[in-house]
Each structure stands twice: as structure tokens, then as C-alpha cells.
Amino acid sequence: MIVCEYYKKYKGPELVSATLDDIDVTKEMKEIYGENLNWKGCLWKYKEAFGENCINKKFRFDFVSEDKREHWFHGFIKDKEQYFNPPLATPLNQMISFSSVIS
């Protein structure tokens, strides 16, 4: 994993469900997502998030924001050494300017 300033300043919606090849991994992914809902301020490699045997598996994450909007993303793991770079769903009232992210 590598620390990422962008993720450190992020607070996302609540993670409600996560699957890896249709197997529930919500508990494990909530640990990585962290209590601050920001991936613990880091980018994780697929093997760090999903384990060594994650190659050629599909994943899906489902979230619900405070305003009850549903957010989700999915993907397929081809290389366990690649960084898992989940999209960030940020409510408009939490939007930060790009200049504050790079400073």
C-alpha cells in the first residue's frame, strides 16, 4: 500500500456490501475502507485487499450515502500487483477544490 493525500482528505459513503466472485467479503473490505471511510488514506494492491489468490476474479462494492443515494463499482483482477484504485463518491457538500488536493 502507499499513502495517498487525496484519499486521506476523502470521506466516502457507507460501505454496505462487497463481493469477490460472488462471495461476501464485506467484513474484510470494511476493515480496509476504515472507520473514516477513506481507504485508510491509502492505495492498496489487489493482493493486499483481496489476498494472494485474487487473480481472474471479479469484485463489486455497494455504498449508500447519507442522502440515501446508492453508489457502486465493479471490476476484474488481472494482476494482483496492480493498485486497486476505487472511484471516490463524494457528496457535493464535501467537494474540495483540485488545488487543495495537490498542495
N, C-alpha and C. Protein backbone atom coordinates (compact mmCIF):
# COMPACT_ATOMS: atom_id res chain seq x y z
N MET A 1 0.85 -1.18 0.00
CA MET A 1 0.00 0.00 0.00
C MET A 1 0.88 1.23 0.00
N ILE A 2 0.33 2.31 -0.52
CA ILE A 2 1.03 3.58 -0.48
C ILE A 2 0.06 4.65 0.05
N VAL A 3 0.58 5.55 0.84
CA VAL A 3 -0.23 6.64 1.37
C VAL A 3 -0.56 7.59 0.22
N CYS A 4 -1.79 8.04 0.20
CA CYS A 4 -2.28 8.92 -0.87
C CYS A 4 -2.99 10.11 -0.24
N GLU A 5 -2.45 11.30 -0.44
CA GLU A 5 -3.03 12.51 0.14
C GLU A 5 -4.48 12.71 -0.27
N TYR A 6 -4.80 12.35 -1.51
CA TYR A 6 -6.17 12.53 -1.98
C TYR A 6 -7.14 11.69 -1.16
N TYR A 7 -6.79 10.44 -0.90
CA TYR A 7 -7.65 9.57 -0.10
C TYR A 7 -7.68 10.01 1.35
N LYS A 8 -6.58 10.54 1.87
CA LYS A 8 -6.55 10.98 3.26
C LYS A 8 -7.55 12.10 3.51
N LYS A 9 -7.82 12.94 2.50
CA LYS A 9 -8.75 14.06 2.64
C LYS A 9 -10.18 13.69 2.26
N TYR A 10 -10.42 12.45 1.97
CA TYR A 10 -11.71 11.97 1.46
C TYR A 10 -12.53 11.35 2.58
N LYS A 11 -13.83 11.51 2.51
CA LYS A 11 -14.75 10.76 3.36
C LYS A 11 -15.90 10.31 2.48
N GLY A 12 -16.02 9.02 2.31
CA GLY A 12 -17.00 8.48 1.39
C GLY A 12 -18.27 8.01 2.05
N PRO A 13 -19.14 7.43 1.25
CA PRO A 13 -20.39 6.87 1.78
C PRO A 13 -20.14 5.56 2.51
N GLU A 14 -21.13 5.10 3.22
CA GLU A 14 -21.02 3.85 3.98
C GLU A 14 -20.93 2.65 3.03
N LEU A 15 -19.99 1.78 3.28
CA LEU A 15 -19.87 0.53 2.53
C LEU A 15 -20.91 -0.44 3.08
N VAL A 16 -21.80 -0.94 2.22
CA VAL A 16 -22.84 -1.85 2.68
C VAL A 16 -22.66 -3.27 2.18
N SER A 17 -21.88 -3.43 1.10
CA SER A 17 -21.70 -4.77 0.55
C SER A 17 -20.45 -4.82 -0.32
N ALA A 18 -19.71 -5.92 -0.22
CA ALA A 18 -18.56 -6.15 -1.09
C ALA A 18 -18.49 -7.64 -1.39
N THR A 19 -18.27 -7.96 -2.66
CA THR A 19 -18.15 -9.37 -3.05
C THR A 19 -16.91 -9.58 -3.92
N LEU A 20 -16.37 -10.77 -3.82
CA LEU A 20 -15.27 -11.23 -4.68
C LEU A 20 -15.72 -12.55 -5.26
N ASP A 21 -15.93 -12.59 -6.57
CA ASP A 21 -16.52 -13.76 -7.23
C ASP A 21 -17.78 -14.23 -6.52
N ASP A 22 -18.66 -13.28 -6.22
CA ASP A 22 -19.96 -13.51 -5.58
C ASP A 22 -19.86 -14.06 -4.16
N ILE A 23 -18.69 -14.00 -3.55
CA ILE A 23 -18.51 -14.38 -2.14
C ILE A 23 -18.47 -13.10 -1.32
N ASP A 24 -19.23 -13.06 -0.25
CA ASP A 24 -19.30 -11.87 0.59
C ASP A 24 -17.98 -11.62 1.30
N VAL A 25 -17.37 -10.46 1.02
CA VAL A 25 -16.12 -10.05 1.68
C VAL A 25 -16.30 -8.68 2.34
N THR A 26 -17.55 -8.36 2.68
CA THR A 26 -17.85 -7.05 3.24
C THR A 26 -17.07 -6.77 4.51
N LYS A 27 -17.01 -7.71 5.41
CA LYS A 27 -16.32 -7.51 6.68
C LYS A 27 -14.84 -7.17 6.44
N GLU A 28 -14.19 -7.91 5.58
CA GLU A 28 -12.77 -7.67 5.28
C GLU A 28 -12.57 -6.32 4.60
N MET A 29 -13.45 -5.96 3.68
CA MET A 29 -13.31 -4.70 2.97
C MET A 29 -13.63 -3.50 3.85
N LYS A 30 -14.54 -3.66 4.81
CA LYS A 30 -14.79 -2.57 5.76
C LYS A 30 -13.54 -2.28 6.58
N GLU A 31 -12.77 -3.31 6.88
CA GLU A 31 -11.51 -3.11 7.60
C GLU A 31 -10.55 -2.25 6.78
N ILE A 32 -10.46 -2.50 5.48
CA ILE A 32 -9.58 -1.73 4.60
C ILE A 32 -10.16 -0.33 4.33
N TYR A 33 -11.47 -0.24 4.17
CA TYR A 33 -12.12 1.05 3.94
C TYR A 33 -11.93 1.97 5.14
N GLY A 34 -11.90 1.38 6.32
CA GLY A 34 -11.58 2.12 7.54
C GLY A 34 -12.75 2.85 8.16
N GLU A 35 -12.57 3.23 9.41
CA GLU A 35 -13.64 3.91 10.15
C GLU A 35 -13.88 5.33 9.63
N ASN A 36 -12.89 5.91 8.94
CA ASN A 36 -13.05 7.25 8.35
C ASN A 36 -13.58 7.19 6.92
N LEU A 37 -13.90 6.01 6.44
CA LEU A 37 -14.48 5.80 5.11
C LEU A 37 -13.62 6.40 4.00
N ASN A 38 -12.31 6.13 4.08
CA ASN A 38 -11.37 6.74 3.13
C ASN A 38 -10.24 5.80 2.71
N TRP A 39 -10.48 4.49 2.78
CA TRP A 39 -9.47 3.50 2.42
C TRP A 39 -8.21 3.68 3.27
N LYS A 40 -8.41 4.17 4.49
CA LYS A 40 -7.32 4.43 5.43
C LYS A 40 -6.25 5.35 4.83
N GLY A 41 -6.69 6.20 3.90
CA GLY A 41 -5.79 7.18 3.28
C GLY A 41 -4.75 6.56 2.37
N CYS A 42 -5.02 5.36 1.86
CA CYS A 42 -4.01 4.63 1.07
C CYS A 42 -4.59 4.06 -0.22
N LEU A 43 -3.68 3.77 -1.13
CA LEU A 43 -3.98 2.93 -2.29
C LEU A 43 -3.45 1.54 -1.96
N TRP A 44 -4.22 0.53 -2.23
CA TRP A 44 -3.88 -0.85 -1.90
C TRP A 44 -3.67 -1.66 -3.17
N LYS A 45 -2.72 -2.56 -3.16
CA LYS A 45 -2.60 -3.51 -4.26
C LYS A 45 -3.74 -4.52 -4.12
N TYR A 46 -4.13 -5.10 -5.25
CA TYR A 46 -5.21 -6.09 -5.22
C TYR A 46 -4.89 -7.21 -4.23
N LYS A 47 -3.66 -7.69 -4.21
CA LYS A 47 -3.31 -8.79 -3.30
C LYS A 47 -3.43 -8.36 -1.84
N GLU A 48 -3.18 -7.08 -1.54
CA GLU A 48 -3.32 -6.59 -0.18
C GLU A 48 -4.78 -6.51 0.24
N ALA A 49 -5.63 -6.15 -0.70
CA ALA A 49 -7.06 -6.01 -0.40
C ALA A 49 -7.78 -7.36 -0.42
N PHE A 50 -7.48 -8.18 -1.43
CA PHE A 50 -8.26 -9.40 -1.66
C PHE A 50 -7.52 -10.70 -1.40
N GLY A 51 -6.22 -10.64 -1.13
CA GLY A 51 -5.45 -11.86 -0.89
C GLY A 51 -4.69 -12.33 -2.12
N GLU A 52 -3.77 -13.22 -1.89
CA GLU A 52 -2.88 -13.72 -2.94
C GLU A 52 -3.62 -14.44 -4.07
N ASN A 53 -4.76 -15.05 -3.79
CA ASN A 53 -5.48 -15.85 -4.79
C ASN A 53 -6.61 -15.06 -5.46
N CYS A 54 -6.36 -13.80 -5.77
CA CYS A 54 -7.41 -12.94 -6.31
C CYS A 54 -7.38 -12.82 -7.83
N ILE A 55 -6.38 -13.37 -8.48
CA ILE A 55 -6.25 -13.23 -9.94
C ILE A 55 -7.45 -13.88 -10.64
N ASN A 56 -7.92 -13.19 -11.70
CA ASN A 56 -9.04 -13.65 -12.52
C ASN A 56 -10.35 -13.74 -11.75
N LYS A 57 -10.51 -12.85 -10.79
CA LYS A 57 -11.76 -12.79 -10.04
C LYS A 57 -12.39 -11.42 -10.23
N LYS A 58 -13.71 -11.39 -10.13
CA LYS A 58 -14.45 -10.13 -10.25
C LYS A 58 -14.84 -9.64 -8.85
N PHE A 59 -14.97 -8.32 -8.74
CA PHE A 59 -15.38 -7.75 -7.45
C PHE A 59 -16.47 -6.72 -7.68
N ARG A 60 -17.19 -6.46 -6.61
CA ARG A 60 -18.24 -5.43 -6.64
C ARG A 60 -18.35 -4.83 -5.24
N PHE A 61 -18.50 -3.50 -5.20
CA PHE A 61 -18.70 -2.77 -3.95
C PHE A 61 -19.98 -1.95 -4.07
N ASP A 62 -20.78 -1.94 -3.00
CA ASP A 62 -22.00 -1.15 -2.95
C ASP A 62 -21.95 -0.25 -1.71
N PHE A 63 -22.36 1.00 -1.90
CA PHE A 63 -22.33 2.00 -0.85
C PHE A 63 -23.68 2.72 -0.80
N VAL A 64 -23.99 3.31 0.35
CA VAL A 64 -25.15 4.19 0.48
C VAL A 64 -24.69 5.44 1.22
N SER A 65 -24.94 6.60 0.61
CA SER A 65 -24.53 7.87 1.22
C SER A 65 -25.61 8.34 2.20
N GLU A 66 -25.28 9.36 2.97
CA GLU A 66 -26.20 9.89 3.97
C GLU A 66 -27.52 10.34 3.38
N ASP A 67 -27.49 10.79 2.12
CA ASP A 67 -28.72 11.21 1.46
C ASP A 67 -29.46 10.04 0.80
N LYS A 68 -29.03 8.82 1.15
CA LYS A 68 -29.66 7.55 0.69
C LYS A 68 -29.39 7.23 -0.77
N ARG A 69 -28.48 7.95 -1.40
CA ARG A 69 -28.12 7.60 -2.78
C ARG A 69 -27.24 6.36 -2.77
N GLU A 70 -27.45 5.52 -3.77
CA GLU A 70 -26.66 4.30 -3.90
C GLU A 70 -25.50 4.54 -4.85
N HIS A 71 -24.33 4.03 -4.48
CA HIS A 71 -23.12 4.14 -5.29
C HIS A 71 -22.54 2.73 -5.39
N TRP A 72 -21.94 2.42 -6.52
CA TRP A 72 -21.32 1.11 -6.67
C TRP A 72 -20.23 1.17 -7.72
N PHE A 73 -19.34 0.20 -7.67
CA PHE A 73 -18.37 -0.01 -8.72
C PHE A 73 -18.00 -1.47 -8.74
N HIS A 74 -17.47 -1.90 -9.87
CA HIS A 74 -17.07 -3.30 -10.00
C HIS A 74 -15.85 -3.38 -10.90
N GLY A 75 -15.23 -4.53 -10.92
CA GLY A 75 -14.06 -4.71 -11.76
C GLY A 75 -13.62 -6.16 -11.81
N PHE A 76 -12.51 -6.38 -12.49
CA PHE A 76 -11.95 -7.71 -12.68
C PHE A 76 -10.44 -7.62 -12.43
N ILE A 77 -9.91 -8.55 -11.70
CA ILE A 77 -8.50 -8.52 -11.32
C ILE A 77 -7.68 -9.38 -12.26
N LYS A 78 -6.77 -8.75 -12.99
CA LYS A 78 -5.87 -9.47 -13.91
C LYS A 78 -4.47 -9.60 -13.33
N ASP A 79 -4.08 -8.65 -12.49
CA ASP A 79 -2.72 -8.61 -11.95
C ASP A 79 -2.80 -8.25 -10.47
N LYS A 80 -2.43 -9.18 -9.61
CA LYS A 80 -2.55 -8.94 -8.17
C LYS A 80 -1.58 -7.87 -7.67
N GLU A 81 -0.57 -7.53 -8.46
CA GLU A 81 0.40 -6.50 -8.08
C GLU A 81 -0.06 -5.09 -8.47
N GLN A 82 -1.12 -5.01 -9.26
CA GLN A 82 -1.65 -3.71 -9.68
C GLN A 82 -2.35 -3.04 -8.50
N TYR A 83 -2.32 -1.70 -8.47
CA TYR A 83 -3.01 -0.98 -7.41
C TYR A 83 -4.50 -0.92 -7.67
N PHE A 84 -5.25 -1.21 -6.64
CA PHE A 84 -6.70 -1.13 -6.61
C PHE A 84 -7.03 0.34 -6.37
N ASN A 85 -7.61 0.99 -7.37
CA ASN A 85 -7.84 2.44 -7.32
C ASN A 85 -9.33 2.71 -7.41
N PRO A 86 -10.05 2.52 -6.29
CA PRO A 86 -11.50 2.66 -6.35
C PRO A 86 -11.93 4.11 -6.60
N PRO A 87 -13.01 4.28 -7.34
CA PRO A 87 -13.52 5.63 -7.56
C PRO A 87 -14.03 6.21 -6.25
N LEU A 88 -13.99 7.52 -6.14
CA LEU A 88 -14.43 8.18 -4.93
C LEU A 88 -15.78 8.85 -5.17
N ALA A 89 -16.76 8.49 -4.38
CA ALA A 89 -18.09 9.08 -4.47
C ALA A 89 -18.18 10.13 -3.37
N THR A 90 -18.09 11.38 -3.74
CA THR A 90 -18.08 12.45 -2.75
C THR A 90 -19.34 13.31 -2.88
N PRO A 91 -20.10 13.45 -1.80
CA PRO A 91 -21.26 14.34 -1.84
C PRO A 91 -20.83 15.76 -2.17
N LEU A 92 -21.70 16.50 -2.83
CA LEU A 92 -21.37 17.86 -3.24
C LEU A 92 -20.96 18.74 -2.07
N ASN A 93 -21.54 18.51 -0.89
CA ASN A 93 -21.19 19.36 0.25
C ASN A 93 -19.81 19.03 0.82
N GLN A 94 -19.17 17.98 0.31
CA GLN A 94 -17.82 17.64 0.73
C GLN A 94 -16.79 17.87 -0.36
N MET A 95 -17.21 18.40 -1.48
CA MET A 95 -16.30 18.61 -2.61
C MET A 95 -15.17 19.53 -2.18
N ILE A 96 -13.98 19.18 -2.62
CA ILE A 96 -12.81 20.01 -2.35
C ILE A 96 -12.22 20.44 -3.70
N SER A 97 -11.59 21.56 -3.70
CA SER A 97 -11.01 22.03 -4.96
C SER A 97 -9.78 21.21 -5.30
N PHE A 98 -9.51 21.09 -6.58
CA PHE A 98 -8.36 20.35 -7.04
C PHE A 98 -7.07 20.92 -6.49
N SER A 99 -6.99 22.23 -6.37
CA SER A 99 -5.77 22.87 -5.88
C SER A 99 -5.49 22.49 -4.44
N SER A 100 -6.51 22.23 -3.63
CA SER A 100 -6.26 21.85 -2.25
C SER A 100 -5.76 20.41 -2.15
N VAL A 101 -6.03 19.60 -3.16
CA VAL A 101 -5.59 18.21 -3.17
C VAL A 101 -4.11 18.13 -3.47
N ILE A 102 -3.61 18.97 -4.37
CA ILE A 102 -2.22 18.86 -4.78
C ILE A 102 -1.28 19.72 -3.94
N SER A 103 -1.82 20.51 -3.04
CA SER A 103 -0.95 21.36 -2.22
C SER A 103 -0.58 20.70 -0.92
